[in-house]
């Protein structure tokens, strides 16, 4: 039978009922002899990927480990300061820093079962954390975390099922996470085909033209103007609203981003009108991600900028084709080869003017833009489907864990194996064995003998 949230043959216990809680500590960093040995020193970042902690950024020497609490293999460290609830499993004697509390499970329980159960503890930890600037669950509170205790045989069955199911989930997640990189390569191959003429090879045949109609030229010859965004101090020039003022972070490949967009006054815009942006301009990043290009949309209206190269296409260059070219590997290599500066390299107006381009006739540029838009839209749809699938997969892990700790994964197993969840095999009997083990492991109290007088 099932109670409200777990089977009646299970017990609700506290975390310190099923193991010892150990709070980590950092040995003195002033003594280099404490670090660089073979003993893993676990910090929160080492638990980012969950599972067995096979590698840590820092290690301790034997001397360093003697100064701090150590934990055996198959212990479960949990982050309890800051980013709460990250969980792992040790595979050898280890130590942790003070941001981590570790449960060293009793030998009477299956440590994998509690590793998985502690992955569901984050909401409880967030709810019970101390209300300070940095969230904290101290050892006392962590020790009182509520957990379920099924019979040992059922713990093993649940852990085995979760090993299998969650490995399948992780494999699916890994495959999905590879797809964006595949799509990135696909987009670059589309751009390479677009600027080389391969993308419209069949189209040219239908039009009775050839690649000979393409013109080898430079951007200086096909732009009305190439200039640079405002260069100067801006500390007191920004306004709450007014004329949009773009910086490099507002230019993404093929699109303008209004994230962290700043504004200047109309008067200052007129004062630095040379660095204005007009609809159809190519905005090209100078430093950081040099060469990244977007077309300024009509919807932006009057705008200005800094740290951007501005290319204003003539009638021989469609802005959208110029954007395709500038975001291709051909242009990116040219940008990389022609950066200037010592402290911080950047792409400048002179290099942009000299940028070579194999330019198709305008009608073919238009066909290239249409085909690239179509192929990119297809890639975008796939990427959105992948992101949706990833969100479902991420939710699936918590869904499977929730079912496991409500007893739903083993409902039929309990019906088939009543002898393994009752009597000496019951959760109650298991809890008594854990208590007996703990009592036996406690050092005997020393008694002082009374002095006798002669």
Protein backbone atom coordinates (compact mmCIF):
# COMPACT_ATOMS: atom_id res chain seq x y z
CA UNK A 1 0.00 0.00 0.00
CA UNK A 2 1.01 3.60 -0.57
CA UNK A 3 0.75 6.42 1.97
CA UNK A 4 0.37 10.04 0.86
CA UNK A 5 3.81 10.20 -0.75
CA UNK A 6 5.64 6.90 -0.24
CA UNK A 7 4.86 3.22 0.52
CA UNK A 8 3.79 2.23 4.02
CA UNK A 9 6.69 -0.22 4.31
CA UNK A 10 9.13 2.72 4.04
CA UNK A 11 10.15 5.01 6.89
CA UNK A 12 10.57 8.76 6.99
CA UNK A 13 13.83 9.48 8.80
CA UNK A 14 16.37 12.26 9.19
CA UNK A 15 19.55 12.33 7.14
CA UNK A 16 21.77 11.79 10.17
CA UNK A 17 19.78 8.62 10.94
CA UNK A 18 21.35 6.90 7.93
CA UNK A 19 24.91 8.19 8.10
CA UNK A 20 27.47 10.53 9.60
CA UNK A 21 27.49 14.20 8.55
CA UNK A 22 30.92 15.75 7.98
CA UNK A 23 31.55 19.44 7.29
CA UNK A 24 34.60 20.20 5.18
CA UNK A 25 37.52 22.46 6.00
CA UNK A 26 40.36 24.06 4.05
CA UNK A 27 43.91 23.59 5.34
CA UNK A 28 46.11 26.67 5.48
CA UNK A 29 46.76 27.98 1.97
CA UNK A 30 49.86 29.75 3.28
CA UNK A 31 51.65 26.43 3.45
CA UNK A 32 52.16 25.06 -0.08
CA UNK A 33 53.12 21.68 1.39
CA UNK A 34 49.41 21.09 2.11
CA UNK A 35 48.49 20.99 -1.59
CA UNK A 36 49.44 19.09 -4.73
CA UNK A 37 49.24 15.53 -3.48
CA UNK A 38 47.02 12.60 -4.49
CA UNK A 39 44.01 13.24 -2.22
CA UNK A 40 41.07 14.93 -4.01
CA UNK A 41 40.04 18.24 -2.43
CA UNK A 42 36.44 18.78 -3.49
CA UNK A 43 34.98 22.25 -3.98
CA UNK A 44 31.52 23.17 -5.33
CA UNK A 45 32.71 23.50 -8.95
CA UNK A 46 33.96 19.90 -8.81
CA UNK A 47 30.35 18.78 -8.33
CA UNK A 48 28.98 20.55 -11.43
CA UNK A 49 28.60 17.34 -13.41
CA UNK A 50 27.36 15.11 -10.58
CA UNK A 51 28.26 11.42 -10.42
CA UNK A 52 31.60 10.12 -9.22
CA UNK A 53 34.17 12.84 -8.51
CA UNK A 54 37.03 11.56 -10.65
CA UNK A 55 38.91 14.84 -10.95
CA UNK A 56 39.25 17.93 -8.78
CA UNK A 57 40.89 21.28 -9.46
CA UNK A 58 42.91 20.97 -6.24
CA UNK A 59 44.40 18.07 -4.31
CA UNK A 60 45.88 17.65 -0.85
CA UNK A 61 49.05 16.02 0.32
CA UNK A 62 48.97 13.54 3.22
CA UNK A 63 50.17 16.39 5.44
CA UNK A 64 47.35 18.65 4.29
CA UNK A 65 44.75 15.90 4.71
CA UNK A 66 45.79 15.38 8.33
CA UNK A 67 44.66 18.93 9.10
CA UNK A 68 41.06 18.48 7.88
CA UNK A 69 38.24 15.93 8.10
CA UNK A 70 38.50 13.26 5.42
CA UNK A 71 35.71 11.15 3.95
CA UNK A 72 35.88 7.59 2.59
CA UNK A 73 34.94 6.32 -0.86
CA UNK A 74 31.18 6.20 -1.59
CA UNK A 75 30.51 9.28 0.52
CA UNK A 76 28.07 11.90 -0.82
CA UNK A 77 29.27 15.55 -0.74
CA UNK A 78 26.53 18.20 -1.07
CA UNK A 79 27.02 21.95 -1.57
CA UNK A 80 25.47 23.81 1.37
CA UNK A 81 26.66 27.40 0.79
CA UNK A 82 25.80 29.50 -2.26
CA UNK A 83 24.60 27.22 -5.05
CA UNK A 84 22.82 24.69 -2.86
CA UNK A 85 22.21 21.05 -3.62
CA UNK A 86 24.97 20.01 -6.04
CA UNK A 87 25.75 16.37 -5.31
CA UNK A 88 28.50 13.87 -6.08
CA UNK A 89 30.03 10.56 -4.96
CA UNK A 90 33.60 10.07 -3.83
CA UNK A 91 35.56 7.20 -5.36
CA UNK A 92 38.45 7.34 -2.88
CA UNK A 93 39.43 8.97 0.39
CA UNK A 94 38.83 12.69 -0.13
CA UNK A 95 38.34 16.01 1.63
CA UNK A 96 36.07 18.97 0.94
CA UNK A 97 36.09 22.67 1.64
CA UNK A 98 33.75 24.31 4.15
CA UNK A 99 31.03 24.99 1.54
CA UNK A 100 30.23 21.30 1.49
CA UNK A 101 28.58 18.96 3.97
CA UNK A 102 29.04 15.27 3.29
CA UNK A 103 26.98 12.30 4.35
CA UNK A 104 29.02 9.17 4.95
CA UNK A 105 26.27 6.53 4.58
CA UNK A 106 26.02 3.61 6.97
CA UNK A 107 27.33 0.34 5.57
CA UNK A 108 23.81 -0.99 6.14
CA UNK A 109 22.32 1.10 3.29
CA UNK A 110 22.91 1.43 -0.46
CA UNK A 111 24.90 4.66 -0.93
CA UNK A 112 23.66 4.99 -4.55
CA UNK A 113 20.05 5.17 -3.32
CA UNK A 114 20.89 8.12 -1.08
CA UNK A 115 23.02 9.78 -3.77
CA UNK A 116 19.97 9.83 -6.03
CA UNK A 117 17.63 10.86 -3.22
CA UNK A 118 19.84 13.80 -2.28
CA UNK A 119 19.50 15.07 -5.86
CA UNK A 120 15.86 15.83 -4.98
CA UNK A 121 16.77 17.76 -1.82
CA UNK A 122 17.51 21.16 -3.40
CA UNK A 123 13.98 22.64 -2.96
CA UNK A 124 14.02 21.68 0.74
CA UNK A 125 17.48 23.23 1.14
CA UNK A 126 16.42 26.48 -0.54
CA UNK A 127 13.32 26.68 1.65
CA UNK A 128 15.28 26.06 4.85
CA UNK A 129 18.42 28.07 4.09
CA UNK A 130 19.45 30.91 6.37
CA UNK A 131 18.17 34.23 5.06
CA UNK A 132 21.52 35.93 4.50
CA UNK A 133 23.22 37.47 1.48
CA UNK A 134 24.64 34.03 0.69
CA UNK A 135 22.28 31.07 1.20
CA UNK A 136 23.55 28.62 3.82
CA UNK A 137 22.43 25.26 5.18
CA UNK A 138 24.55 24.57 8.25
CA UNK A 139 25.47 21.12 9.48
CA UNK A 140 22.69 21.13 12.07
CA UNK A 141 19.96 21.81 9.54
CA UNK A 142 21.49 19.51 6.94
CA UNK A 143 21.52 16.68 9.47
CA UNK A 144 17.75 17.09 9.93
CA UNK A 145 16.91 16.89 6.22
CA UNK A 146 13.98 14.48 5.73
CA UNK A 147 14.68 11.35 3.67
CA UNK A 148 12.92 8.06 3.05
CA UNK A 149 14.31 4.71 4.15
CA UNK A 150 13.01 1.68 2.24
CA UNK A 151 14.10 -1.88 3.01
CA UNK A 152 17.66 -2.53 1.83
CA UNK A 153 16.67 -4.90 -1.00
CA UNK A 154 14.32 -2.27 -2.41
CA UNK A 155 17.01 0.41 -2.13
CA UNK A 156 19.23 -1.71 -4.37
CA UNK A 157 16.48 -2.32 -6.91
CA UNK A 158 15.67 1.40 -7.08
CA UNK A 159 19.36 2.34 -7.42
CA UNK A 160 19.80 -0.23 -10.22
CA UNK A 161 16.75 1.11 -12.07
CA UNK A 162 17.95 4.70 -11.71
CA UNK A 163 21.44 3.75 -12.89
CA UNK A 164 19.89 2.41 -16.09
CA UNK A 165 17.18 5.02 -16.67
CA UNK A 166 19.29 8.08 -15.92
CA UNK A 167 22.17 6.77 -18.04
CA UNK A 168 19.70 6.60 -20.94
CA UNK A 169 18.58 10.15 -20.17
CA UNK A 170 22.19 11.39 -20.10
CA UNK A 171 22.97 9.65 -23.40
CA UNK A 172 19.94 11.29 -24.99
CA UNK A 173 20.93 14.65 -23.54
CA UNK A 174 24.51 14.28 -24.83
CA UNK A 175 23.26 13.51 -28.35
CA UNK A 176 20.91 16.50 -28.30
CA UNK A 177 23.65 18.81 -27.01
CA UNK A 178 25.84 17.90 -30.00
CA UNK A 179 23.22 19.07 -32.51
CA UNK A 180 23.78 22.87 -32.06
CA UNK A 181 27.45 22.38 -33.04
CA UNK A 182 26.35 20.40 -36.09
CA UNK A 183 23.95 23.20 -37.00
CA UNK A 184 26.71 25.77 -36.53
CA UNK A 185 28.88 23.87 -39.02
CA UNK A 186 25.88 23.58 -41.35
CA UNK A 187 25.33 27.35 -41.29
CA UNK A 188 29.01 27.99 -42.05
CA UNK A 189 28.89 25.51 -44.94
CA UNK A 190 25.85 27.38 -46.30
CA UNK A 191 27.75 30.67 -46.07
CA UNK A 192 30.80 29.12 -47.75
CA UNK A 193 28.62 27.86 -50.60
CA UNK A 194 26.90 31.26 -50.83
CA UNK A 195 30.06 33.36 -51.23
CA UNK A 196 31.82 30.87 -53.52
CA UNK A 197 28.94 30.57 -55.98
CA UNK A 198 28.20 26.90 -55.30
CA UNK A 199 24.82 27.69 -53.72
CA UNK A 200 23.49 29.23 -56.94
CA UNK A 201 25.34 27.08 -59.48
CA UNK A 202 22.14 25.50 -60.83
CA UNK A 203 20.33 28.86 -60.72
CA UNK A 204 23.00 30.41 -62.97
CA UNK A 205 22.53 27.58 -65.47
CA UNK A 206 18.81 28.37 -65.66
CA UNK A 207 19.62 32.06 -66.16
CA UNK A 208 22.23 31.44 -68.84
CA UNK A 209 25.00 33.07 -66.79
CA UNK A 210 28.25 31.82 -65.31
CA UNK A 211 30.64 32.56 -62.47
CA UNK A 212 32.43 34.91 -64.89
CA UNK A 213 29.67 37.43 -64.13
CA UNK A 214 31.06 37.79 -60.60
CA UNK A 215 33.37 40.74 -60.04
CA UNK A 216 36.54 40.71 -57.95
CA UNK A 217 36.51 44.01 -56.05
CA UNK A 218 36.88 45.59 -52.59
CA UNK A 219 34.36 47.04 -50.17
CA UNK A 220 35.69 50.56 -50.74
CA UNK A 221 34.49 50.37 -54.35
CA UNK A 222 30.98 49.06 -53.54
CA UNK A 223 30.15 51.25 -50.52
CA UNK A 224 29.07 54.89 -50.48
CA UNK A 225 30.92 55.36 -47.20
CA UNK A 226 32.95 53.36 -44.70
CA UNK A 227 33.49 55.04 -41.36
CA UNK A 228 33.81 54.29 -37.67
CA UNK A 229 31.57 54.75 -34.64
CA UNK A 230 32.19 57.52 -32.13
CA UNK A 231 35.56 57.39 -30.38
CA UNK A 232 35.66 59.35 -27.12
CA UNK A 233 34.60 59.44 -23.49
CA UNK A 234 30.97 58.52 -22.89
CA UNK A 235 30.82 58.45 -19.08
CA UNK A 236 28.32 61.32 -18.69
CA UNK A 237 26.65 61.10 -22.08
CA UNK A 238 24.11 58.33 -21.55
CA UNK A 239 20.43 59.11 -21.02
CA UNK A 240 17.44 57.12 -19.74
CA UNK A 241 15.87 57.38 -23.20
CA UNK A 242 16.51 59.07 -26.50
CA UNK A 243 18.53 57.98 -29.54
CA UNK A 244 19.70 54.33 -29.43
CA UNK A 245 23.47 54.08 -29.04
CA UNK A 246 24.85 50.72 -30.17
CA UNK A 247 28.02 49.08 -28.93
CA UNK A 248 29.68 45.85 -30.03
CA UNK A 249 27.49 43.79 -27.69
CA UNK A 250 24.41 44.96 -29.63
CA UNK A 251 25.71 43.43 -32.87
CA UNK A 252 25.24 39.69 -33.32
CA UNK A 253 25.77 37.68 -36.49
CA UNK A 254 22.87 38.56 -38.80
CA UNK A 255 20.86 40.39 -36.15
CA UNK A 256 20.77 43.50 -34.03
CA UNK A 257 20.25 42.93 -30.28
CA UNK A 258 18.63 45.47 -27.98
CA UNK A 259 20.00 43.75 -24.87
CA UNK A 260 21.80 46.33 -22.67
CA UNK A 261 21.04 48.99 -25.27
CA UNK A 262 22.03 52.51 -24.19
CA UNK A 263 20.71 55.91 -25.27
CA UNK A 264 22.05 59.38 -25.95
CA UNK A 265 20.31 62.74 -26.29
CA UNK A 266 19.16 63.97 -29.74
CA UNK A 267 21.49 66.95 -29.33
CA UNK A 268 24.56 64.74 -28.78
CA UNK A 269 23.43 62.55 -31.69
CA UNK A 270 23.57 65.60 -33.94
CA UNK A 271 26.96 66.56 -32.48
CA UNK A 272 28.44 63.17 -33.48
CA UNK A 273 26.33 62.72 -36.61
CA UNK A 274 29.31 61.26 -38.52
CA UNK A 275 28.90 58.01 -36.52
CA UNK A 276 25.15 57.76 -37.18
CA UNK A 277 23.57 54.47 -38.20
CA UNK A 278 21.02 54.31 -41.01
CA UNK A 279 18.68 51.47 -42.05
CA UNK A 280 20.56 49.14 -44.40
CA UNK A 281 24.00 49.98 -42.99
CA UNK A 282 26.37 47.14 -42.19
CA UNK A 283 27.43 47.36 -38.53
CA UNK A 284 30.69 45.47 -38.02
CA UNK A 285 32.28 44.73 -34.63
CA UNK A 286 35.81 46.14 -34.29
CA UNK A 287 37.05 44.35 -31.14
CA UNK A 288 36.00 41.42 -28.98
CA UNK A 289 34.39 39.41 -31.80
CA UNK A 290 35.80 41.43 -34.75
CA UNK A 291 34.04 41.03 -38.08
CA UNK A 292 30.67 40.00 -36.62
CA UNK A 293 28.14 41.82 -38.76
CA UNK A 294 24.44 42.69 -38.87
CA UNK A 295 22.24 44.88 -41.06
CA UNK A 296 20.70 47.86 -39.27
CA UNK A 297 16.91 47.34 -39.45
CA UNK A 298 14.39 50.03 -40.39
CA UNK A 299 12.63 49.48 -37.05
CA UNK A 300 15.61 50.94 -35.15
CA UNK A 301 15.09 54.44 -36.55
CA UNK A 302 17.69 57.15 -35.87
CA UNK A 303 20.68 55.64 -34.05
CA UNK A 304 24.36 56.14 -33.28
CA UNK A 305 27.22 53.93 -32.16
CA UNK A 306 30.73 53.46 -30.86
CA UNK A 307 33.41 50.81 -31.47
CA UNK A 308 31.79 49.68 -34.72
CA UNK A 309 32.86 49.93 -38.35
CA UNK A 310 30.00 51.29 -40.45
CA UNK A 311 29.77 50.27 -44.12
CA UNK A 312 27.07 52.01 -46.19
CA UNK A 313 26.46 49.86 -49.32
CA UNK A 314 26.04 51.37 -52.78
CA UNK A 315 23.47 50.14 -55.31
CA UNK A 316 25.88 47.38 -56.38
CA UNK A 317 25.77 45.65 -52.99
CA UNK A 318 22.67 44.35 -51.25
CA UNK A 319 23.14 44.88 -47.48
CA UNK A 320 21.93 41.35 -46.78
CA UNK A 321 24.53 39.85 -49.13
CA UNK A 322 27.22 42.03 -47.55
CA UNK A 323 26.16 40.63 -44.17
CA UNK A 324 26.35 37.05 -45.51
CA UNK A 325 29.84 37.69 -46.82
CA UNK A 326 31.14 39.37 -43.65
CA UNK A 327 29.91 36.50 -41.43
CA UNK A 328 31.47 33.84 -43.68
CA UNK A 329 34.79 32.16 -42.92
CA UNK A 330 36.33 33.87 -45.97
CA UNK A 331 35.79 37.32 -44.46
CA UNK A 332 36.51 36.19 -40.89
CA UNK A 333 39.96 34.98 -41.97
CA UNK A 334 40.64 38.31 -43.64
CA UNK A 335 39.52 40.15 -40.50
CA UNK A 336 41.77 37.96 -38.34
CA UNK A 337 44.77 38.52 -40.64
CA UNK A 338 44.28 42.31 -40.74
CA UNK A 339 43.68 43.27 -37.12
CA UNK A 340 45.85 46.06 -35.73
CA UNK A 341 46.84 47.26 -32.26
CA UNK A 342 49.08 46.01 -29.48
CA UNK A 343 47.23 46.12 -26.15
CA UNK A 344 43.94 45.10 -27.77
CA UNK A 345 43.70 44.08 -31.39
CA UNK A 346 40.84 45.47 -33.45
CA UNK A 347 39.55 45.64 -37.00
CA UNK A 348 39.70 49.15 -38.43
CA UNK A 349 38.21 51.22 -41.26
CA UNK A 350 41.32 50.91 -43.43
CA UNK A 351 41.18 47.12 -43.34
CA UNK A 352 37.44 47.19 -44.11
CA UNK A 353 37.99 49.39 -47.16
CA UNK A 354 40.61 46.96 -48.51
CA UNK A 355 38.48 43.85 -47.79
CA UNK A 356 38.38 41.83 -51.05
CA UNK A 357 35.06 40.36 -52.17
CA UNK A 358 33.98 38.24 -55.13
CA UNK A 359 30.75 40.08 -55.94
CA UNK A 360 27.84 38.55 -57.87
CA UNK A 361 25.40 40.65 -59.91
CA UNK A 362 22.56 42.12 -57.82
CA UNK A 363 19.93 39.68 -59.11
CA UNK A 364 22.11 36.73 -58.05
CA UNK A 365 22.83 38.40 -54.70
CA UNK A 366 19.07 38.52 -54.19
CA UNK A 367 18.74 34.81 -55.00
CA UNK A 368 21.62 33.96 -52.63
CA UNK A 369 19.98 35.96 -49.82
CA UNK A 370 16.67 34.14 -50.41
CA UNK A 371 18.31 30.70 -50.30
CA UNK A 372 20.43 31.48 -47.23
CA UNK A 373 17.37 32.82 -45.40
CA UNK A 374 15.47 29.65 -46.28
CA UNK A 375 18.23 27.29 -45.15
CA UNK A 376 18.92 29.27 -41.97
CA UNK A 377 15.21 29.28 -41.12
CA UNK A 378 15.23 25.48 -41.46
CA UNK A 379 18.26 25.26 -39.14
CA UNK A 380 16.57 27.63 -36.67
CA UNK A 381 13.46 25.42 -36.57
CA UNK A 382 15.60 22.36 -35.86
CA UNK A 383 17.50 24.21 -33.14
CA UNK A 384 14.24 25.28 -31.49
CA UNK A 385 12.98 21.69 -31.56
CA UNK A 386 16.28 20.54 -30.01
CA UNK A 387 16.02 23.16 -27.26
CA UNK A 388 12.45 22.07 -26.53
CA UNK A 389 13.56 18.44 -26.42
CA UNK A 390 16.45 19.32 -24.08
CA UNK A 391 14.04 21.08 -21.73
CA UNK A 392 11.86 17.97 -21.65
CA UNK A 393 14.88 15.73 -21.06
CA UNK A 394 16.06 17.94 -18.19
CA UNK A 395 12.60 17.73 -16.64
CA UNK A 396 12.58 13.97 -17.21
CA UNK A 397 15.43 13.42 -14.74
CA UNK A 398 13.51 15.05 -11.89
CA UNK A 399 10.32 13.25 -12.96
CA UNK A 400 12.05 9.86 -12.81
CA UNK A 401 13.61 10.68 -9.43
CA UNK A 402 10.23 11.80 -8.06
CA UNK A 403 8.62 8.54 -9.18
CA UNK A 404 11.48 6.56 -7.63
CA UNK A 405 11.13 8.20 -4.22
CA UNK A 406 7.36 7.86 -4.22
CA UNK A 407 7.89 4.12 -4.66
CA UNK A 408 6.28 4.01 -8.10
CA UNK A 409 9.25 2.39 -9.89
CA UNK A 410 9.12 -0.61 -7.55
CA UNK A 411 5.38 -1.02 -6.96
CA UNK A 412 5.20 -4.35 -8.80
CA UNK A 413 8.50 -5.52 -7.28
CA UNK A 414 7.05 -5.09 -3.77
CA UNK A 415 4.00 -7.16 -4.72
CA UNK A 416 6.27 -9.89 -6.10
CA UNK A 417 8.71 -9.88 -3.16
CA UNK A 418 6.80 -9.39 0.13
CA UNK A 419 9.38 -11.41 2.06
CA UNK A 420 12.11 -8.87 1.15
CA UNK A 421 10.26 -5.94 2.75
CA UNK A 422 9.02 -7.48 5.97
CA UNK A 423 10.34 -9.03 9.20
CA UNK A 424 14.12 -8.96 9.41
CA UNK A 425 14.18 -7.36 5.96
CA UNK A 426 11.86 -4.49 6.89
CA UNK A 427 12.82 -0.84 7.04
CA UNK A 428 12.23 -0.87 10.82
CA UNK A 429 14.70 -3.73 11.28
CA UNK A 430 17.17 -1.95 8.99
CA UNK A 431 16.97 1.22 11.09
CA UNK A 432 17.72 -0.79 14.24
CA UNK A 433 20.80 -2.32 12.58
CA UNK A 434 22.01 1.17 11.60
CA UNK A 435 21.60 2.32 15.20
CA UNK A 436 23.46 -0.75 16.47
CA UNK A 437 26.30 -0.17 14.02
CA UNK A 438 26.59 3.45 15.12
CA UNK A 439 26.57 2.53 18.81
CA UNK A 440 29.27 -0.08 18.25
CA UNK A 441 31.47 2.38 16.41
CA UNK A 442 31.42 4.97 19.19
CA UNK A 443 34.57 4.91 21.33
CA UNK A 444 33.97 3.70 24.84
CA UNK A 445 33.82 6.45 27.43
CA UNK A 446 36.79 6.59 29.73
CA UNK A 447 35.92 6.44 33.43
CA UNK A 448 38.11 8.09 36.01
CA UNK A 449 39.02 5.95 38.98
CA UNK A 450 38.52 7.46 42.39
CA UNK A 451 41.67 8.07 44.32
CA UNK A 452 42.02 6.04 47.45
CA UNK A 453 43.73 7.38 50.50
CA UNK A 454 46.00 5.29 52.58
